[in-house]
Amino acid sequence: MFARLSTYQGSPVPPGGDLTVLSEAIVKRVEDVPGFIGAYYLVDRATGKAVSLTLWEDEQTMRASESTAARIREETARREGQRIVSVESFEVGFSSLKP
C-alpha cells in the first residue's frame, strides 16, 4: 500500500465550522480513481494548517493517479482559500485501525 500526503495552509477554521460540507463531492471524485483505498483529512483549526492522506493499492496506481489528484487538489485548495505547501509520497510500512 502507498500513500500521498498533501499539506495545505489556509485561514484558521472556526471551532464550529463544518469540515464535511464538501467532503462527499471530493471523496466521490477520488473514489472513482483506480487503486484508491481510502482518505483522511486532518486540520488544525487554530492555525489553518491541513493535510490530506490518500491511500492506494500500490505504487503504480498511486503514480497513475497523479494528474487527476493534482487537479482535484488544486481546485479544492483554490475553492477553500488554501495554498498547497507540499505533496509527498510514501510506502505504508504498516497500518492499524481498530475494527
Protein backbone atom coordinates (compact mmCIF):
# COMPACT_ATOMS: atom_id res chain seq x y z
CA MET A 1 0.00 0.00 0.00
CA PHE A 2 1.17 3.54 -0.79
CA ALA A 3 0.11 6.96 0.48
CA ARG A 4 0.13 10.52 -0.80
CA LEU A 5 0.37 13.22 1.87
CA SER A 6 -0.62 16.74 0.81
CA THR A 7 -0.10 19.71 3.14
CA TYR A 8 -2.13 22.92 2.91
CA GLN A 9 -2.13 26.28 4.65
CA GLY A 10 -5.18 28.48 4.92
CA SER A 11 -7.03 30.68 7.36
CA PRO A 12 -7.99 29.42 10.81
CA VAL A 13 -11.20 27.39 10.86
CA PRO A 14 -13.96 28.45 13.29
CA PRO A 15 -14.46 25.95 16.13
CA GLY A 16 -18.00 25.18 14.98
CA GLY A 17 -17.18 25.14 11.27
CA ASP A 18 -18.35 22.06 9.38
CA LEU A 19 -15.37 20.31 7.78
CA THR A 20 -17.54 17.79 5.94
CA VAL A 21 -19.52 20.23 3.79
CA LEU A 22 -17.62 19.50 0.58
CA SER A 23 -16.08 16.18 1.57
CA GLU A 24 -18.66 13.94 -0.10
CA ALA A 25 -18.17 15.52 -3.52
CA ILE A 26 -14.38 15.46 -3.20
CA VAL A 27 -14.24 11.87 -1.96
CA LYS A 28 -16.60 10.74 -4.74
CA ARG A 29 -14.21 12.12 -7.35
CA VAL A 30 -11.24 10.32 -5.78
CA GLU A 31 -13.14 7.07 -5.15
CA ASP A 32 -13.59 6.66 -8.89
CA VAL A 33 -9.81 6.65 -9.49
CA PRO A 34 -8.47 3.09 -9.96
CA GLY A 35 -6.44 1.84 -7.00
CA PHE A 36 -7.94 4.23 -4.42
CA ILE A 37 -8.35 2.64 -0.96
CA GLY A 38 -9.19 5.49 1.41
CA ALA A 39 -8.60 9.05 2.58
CA TYR A 40 -8.14 11.12 5.73
CA TYR A 41 -8.35 14.90 6.09
CA LEU A 42 -6.68 16.37 9.17
CA VAL A 43 -6.92 20.01 10.20
CA ASP A 44 -5.53 22.26 12.90
CA ARG A 45 -8.41 24.72 13.27
CA ALA A 46 -6.31 27.25 15.18
CA THR A 47 -3.61 27.64 12.51
CA GLY A 48 -5.49 26.67 9.35
CA LYS A 49 -2.90 24.01 8.52
CA ALA A 50 -4.40 20.87 6.99
CA VAL A 51 -3.18 17.61 5.50
CA SER A 52 -4.88 15.06 3.32
CA LEU A 53 -3.73 11.47 3.21
CA THR A 54 -4.89 9.25 0.37
CA LEU A 55 -4.20 5.53 0.32
CA TRP A 56 -3.51 3.49 -2.81
CA GLU A 57 -3.28 -0.22 -3.60
CA ASP A 58 0.26 0.05 -4.93
CA GLU A 59 2.83 2.49 -6.23
CA GLN A 60 1.72 2.09 -9.85
CA THR A 61 -1.90 3.09 -9.18
CA MET A 62 -0.77 5.98 -6.98
CA ARG A 63 1.56 7.27 -9.71
CA ALA A 64 -1.13 6.79 -12.36
CA SER A 65 -3.50 8.95 -10.29
CA GLU A 66 -1.11 11.92 -10.04
CA SER A 67 -2.63 14.17 -12.71
CA THR A 68 -6.21 13.56 -11.52
CA ALA A 69 -5.16 14.04 -7.88
CA ALA A 70 -3.30 17.26 -8.71
CA ARG A 71 -6.35 18.68 -10.47
CA ILE A 72 -8.66 17.81 -7.55
CA ARG A 73 -6.14 19.14 -5.01
CA GLU A 74 -5.67 22.45 -6.86
CA GLU A 75 -9.41 23.01 -7.41
CA THR A 76 -10.21 22.22 -3.78
CA ALA A 77 -7.40 24.38 -2.37
CA ARG A 78 -8.43 27.33 -4.54
CA ARG A 79 -12.10 26.98 -3.54
CA GLU A 80 -11.20 26.70 0.16
CA GLY A 81 -8.74 29.61 0.11
CA GLN A 82 -5.78 27.37 0.86
CA ARG A 83 -2.35 27.12 -0.68
CA ILE A 84 -0.65 23.80 -1.31
CA VAL A 85 2.53 23.65 0.74
CA SER A 86 3.80 20.20 -0.25
CA VAL A 87 2.86 16.85 -1.78
CA GLU A 88 4.79 13.74 -0.76
CA SER A 89 4.51 10.03 -1.47
CA PHE A 90 5.27 7.17 0.90
CA GLU A 91 5.14 3.42 1.08
CA VAL A 92 2.97 2.39 4.03
CA GLY A 93 5.17 0.41 6.41
CA PHE A 94 2.19 -0.79 8.46
CA SER A 95 -1.27 0.30 9.49
CA SER A 96 -3.54 -0.46 12.39
CA LEU A 97 -7.15 0.55 12.87
CA LYS A 98 -9.48 -0.81 15.49
CA PRO A 99 -12.46 -2.58 13.92
